[in-house]
């Protein structure tokens, strides 16, 4: 049986799998940053990283493989929206 001090120390120990909320949110953001989507212009798979070419239109975020594809989309978005 644990004495009072040992019980208190034991109860303060954290499960290594029980990450604080901020760490869980960061992990979710990192996972999202690695997701792949399809470039609506050329059909290429694109990783949704922080540095990716992107454009928000009508509440939706579109990702592109290059600035050229993004510019093509911006010039004529209705040609690419299914």
Protein backbone atom coordinates (compact mmCIF):
# COMPACT_ATOMS: atom_id res chain seq x y z
CA UNK A 1 0.00 0.00 0.00
CA UNK A 2 1.27 3.45 -0.88
CA UNK A 3 1.73 6.06 1.81
CA UNK A 4 0.01 9.45 1.48
CA UNK A 5 2.98 11.15 -0.20
CA UNK A 6 3.49 8.29 -2.66
CA UNK A 7 -0.22 8.30 -3.55
CA UNK A 8 -0.09 12.06 -4.14
CA UNK A 9 3.00 11.76 -6.36
CA UNK A 10 1.44 8.85 -8.22
CA UNK A 11 -1.79 10.75 -8.86
CA UNK A 12 0.18 13.68 -10.30
CA UNK A 13 1.96 11.50 -12.84
CA UNK A 14 0.63 11.89 -16.36
CA UNK A 15 0.02 9.16 -18.80
CA UNK A 16 2.49 9.78 -21.67
CA UNK A 17 -0.35 9.08 -24.09
CA UNK A 18 -2.51 11.77 -22.47
CA UNK A 19 -1.17 14.86 -24.23
CA UNK A 20 -2.31 18.31 -23.16
CA UNK A 21 -4.98 19.87 -25.35
CA UNK A 22 -2.56 22.26 -27.10
CA UNK A 23 -0.28 19.37 -28.06
CA UNK A 24 -3.25 17.39 -29.42
CA UNK A 25 -4.37 20.39 -31.47
CA UNK A 26 -0.84 20.85 -32.82
CA UNK A 27 -0.69 17.18 -33.78
CA UNK A 28 -4.02 17.51 -35.58
CA UNK A 29 -2.74 20.56 -37.45
CA UNK A 30 0.43 18.72 -38.43
CA UNK A 31 -1.64 15.79 -39.69
CA UNK A 32 -3.84 18.14 -41.70
CA UNK A 33 -0.72 19.77 -43.08
CA UNK A 34 0.29 16.41 -44.53
CA UNK A 35 -3.04 15.59 -46.14
CA UNK A 36 -3.19 15.28 -49.89
CA UNK A 37 -5.80 16.89 -52.09
CA UNK A 38 -6.21 17.19 -55.84
CA UNK A 39 -5.25 20.34 -57.73
CA UNK A 40 -8.53 21.35 -59.46
CA UNK A 41 -6.68 22.55 -62.58
CA UNK A 42 -4.25 19.77 -63.47
CA UNK A 43 -5.44 16.91 -61.25
CA UNK A 44 -2.08 16.49 -59.51
CA UNK A 45 -1.95 15.37 -55.85
CA UNK A 46 -0.95 18.29 -53.62
CA UNK A 47 0.13 18.24 -49.97
CA UNK A 48 -1.76 20.81 -47.89
CA UNK A 49 1.30 22.24 -46.19
CA UNK A 50 1.69 25.80 -44.92
CA UNK A 51 3.71 26.80 -47.99
CA UNK A 52 1.34 25.31 -50.58
CA UNK A 53 -0.28 27.49 -53.23
CA UNK A 54 -3.85 28.02 -52.08
CA UNK A 55 -6.92 30.10 -52.71
CA UNK A 56 -10.14 30.53 -50.75
CA UNK A 57 -13.34 30.87 -52.74
CA UNK A 58 -16.91 30.66 -51.48
CA UNK A 59 -15.77 29.30 -48.11
CA UNK A 60 -13.69 26.51 -49.63
CA UNK A 61 -9.89 26.34 -49.69
CA UNK A 62 -8.36 25.11 -52.96
CA UNK A 63 -4.75 23.92 -53.15
CA UNK A 64 -2.57 24.01 -56.25
CA UNK A 65 0.66 22.40 -57.38
CA UNK A 66 2.02 25.71 -58.67
CA UNK A 67 1.36 29.43 -58.95
CA UNK A 68 0.54 28.86 -62.62
CA UNK A 69 -2.32 26.48 -61.78
CA UNK A 70 -3.60 28.87 -59.12
CA UNK A 71 -3.53 31.77 -61.61
CA UNK A 72 -5.33 29.68 -64.22
CA UNK A 73 -8.02 28.85 -61.67
CA UNK A 74 -8.35 32.48 -60.57
CA UNK A 75 -8.79 33.60 -64.19
CA UNK A 76 -11.64 31.18 -64.81
CA UNK A 77 -12.83 29.32 -61.68
CA UNK A 78 -16.12 28.16 -63.20
CA UNK A 79 -14.16 26.11 -65.74
CA UNK A 80 -12.76 23.99 -62.92
CA UNK A 81 -15.55 23.81 -60.35
CA UNK A 82 -17.41 20.57 -60.91
